Amino acid sequence: MNNLYDTRRYLTNFEVSRVGHLLTDVLVVGGGVGGARAAIESAAYGDVILIAKQGAEDSNTLRAQGGIAVCDAPGDSWQQHLEDTVRVGCGLVSPRAAETMVRAGPARAKELVDWGAQFDKAGGSWARTREGGHGVSRILRAQGDSTGREIGRVLLGKLRSLSNVRFFEQCFLIDLITVDGRCVGAVTHHQRYGHQMIWARQTILASGGCGQIFRESTNSPIATGDGLAAAYRAGAMLADVEMVQFHPTTLYIAGSTRALISEAARGEGAYLVDRDGHRFMLEYHPDGELAPRDVVSRAIRDRLLQTGGTSVYLDVRHIGRQRFGERFPFITRQCAEFGIDVGSDLIPVNPGAHYMIGGVATDLEARTNVPGLFACGEAACTGVHGANRLASNSLLEGLVFGAIAGRTAGRSLDIGPQIGPSSGVRSQNPPSPRTTLDLVDVRNSLRSVMWRNAGIARSGDRLRETVEIIDFWGRFVLDKTFDDAAGWETQNKLSLARLMAQAAELRTESLGVHYRVDAPPDAGQVPPTHLTVTRSDDGPVFERCPVELSPAE
């Protein structure tokens, strides 16, 4: 019997005659920076429906603290920004994609200002700070540490001013619909209207990442990888799904959800110290606390193993309570809620899953290998981040490739015929004879095993064990047809976690955020390549491919 991870096409049952239908020119899945910017751009060409899993305020975009990297300050250039991006990406960055991103950055930032964005200023010009991996100060910020919230406010305001854009919140993407290999829309579930089929000439996937697959994460609770799993089931090529960036500093309070402590705090001079108060990062990298994120995360892990502590600490006392509070008001309030005085106390921190570097493979025009399907933002793998994302390039990527995806989809409307209810698409999954597992227990156990075995440090035997465990859960979860988000999320998290563990086991070399403690001595001599995966009834098909991704060609 074939594995249900490989043969299950649609998660829900549907008959076209028994559900509601909506028709649009462009469907955008995801309300974060990539999805909002894509919807704004595609609205210039036709009608748009944008769906968001929960509310507009719940995306990871609005959690982004540090800022957005823009290379137009005196003494900076797009060539320098590109050089930093490529260097931090450990040889896996696609140069053409990265150049596209950094060169478009200033125009996208000016556009935000024209739409009402209020970036912080110093001396009459935009204030800029430096973060890990950057050679110069090029990070724009808003309200100190609320840059994502400001960008989200501006984009959503612009979006809602457009009369031909319909924005459906509380609308869950269950699956992408395909007819003869072409994406023609999506099966969704709306909190008020129930199951719906949204038929679109072109579909843009901007559904974000999957940090909630790991026990420790900075991500919103909605980041469960639904879009990536749905794209895989629809035949889309995924790339580098083993590449997950772990942010070095999340506020570590036992029993509390993890909260991001922006890298910009280290850019302002904060130190990392161990339980004995020893500043240790200079022992791991000459840039100290401003080393690339993968280096800092591994250093913290190593220090905890050496000292036996449960966390390391961010020391900002020398910055001063007033100055730190003015620069990072949100972080200061977060700390105060737990009785931490940033002027006199150390801030306990630990790494957490932060950003999905891999995703749906796209070309420079945001096209995937599935006709009618585009991808942008964290859900996409454009190749701009390589094996380790440069700090504050994520909001930039979402803006740049969101605009590209919207433009390409809009200009392709005459290519995509309007396919609707008459297509005869249906799904009927057989009832399951097996017992039902406690889904809460499965999700919690999955997050624990992924953090332990597929987290900051990995080994082949633990990764193979992880796949075996997930395969067992799949026999009792993937065979069920659920009618609620918790069930669909669990199936998606299991499906994506399995692919991530399989890819991590196949990539035997250490590269950027992917660190194998059992890497062969000569593994580092292998030229970096992307690791792609596509679906077949016989199992996932993994392939190595060159640094320049071109899935749609």
Foldseek 3Di string as FASTA:
>chain_A
DFFLLFVVQFQFFDALVPAAEAEWAEEEEALALQRLLLLLQLLVQTFYEYEYQADSCQFCLQQFFFAAFAFDDPPGDLVLVLVLLCVLLFQLFDSVLQSLLRVCLVVLVVVLVVLPQDWDDDPPHFDFFDFFSHPDTGGIGHQQTRRSNRSSVSSVVSSVVRPRYHYAHNKAFRAFDDDPLATFFTWIQHPPRGTYTYGHLFYEYARFADQLLAPAEQGGPSRLQNSQSRCQSSWFKWWDQLQFFKAFWWFDDPPDHTHDDDSVLVRLPKFKAAPVRHGCQCVQDVVRSSHARLSNQVVQVVVCVVPVDPFIWIQCQVVAQVNCCSNCVPVCVVCVVVPARNNPHTGTTGIGGYARQIAGEAASLQDTQRHRYGYFARRYNHSSNNRGRDPNNRSSRSNSNSSSNSNVSSVCSVVGDGDTSVSRDTDDADADPDDADDLVVLSNVSNHLCCVASNQEHELVSLVVSLVVLSVVCSRQSSHNDRDPSSSSSNSNSSSSNVNSVVLNVLLADGNSNHYPRRPPCSVVDNDWMWMWHHDSNGIDIDTHHSNTHRRD
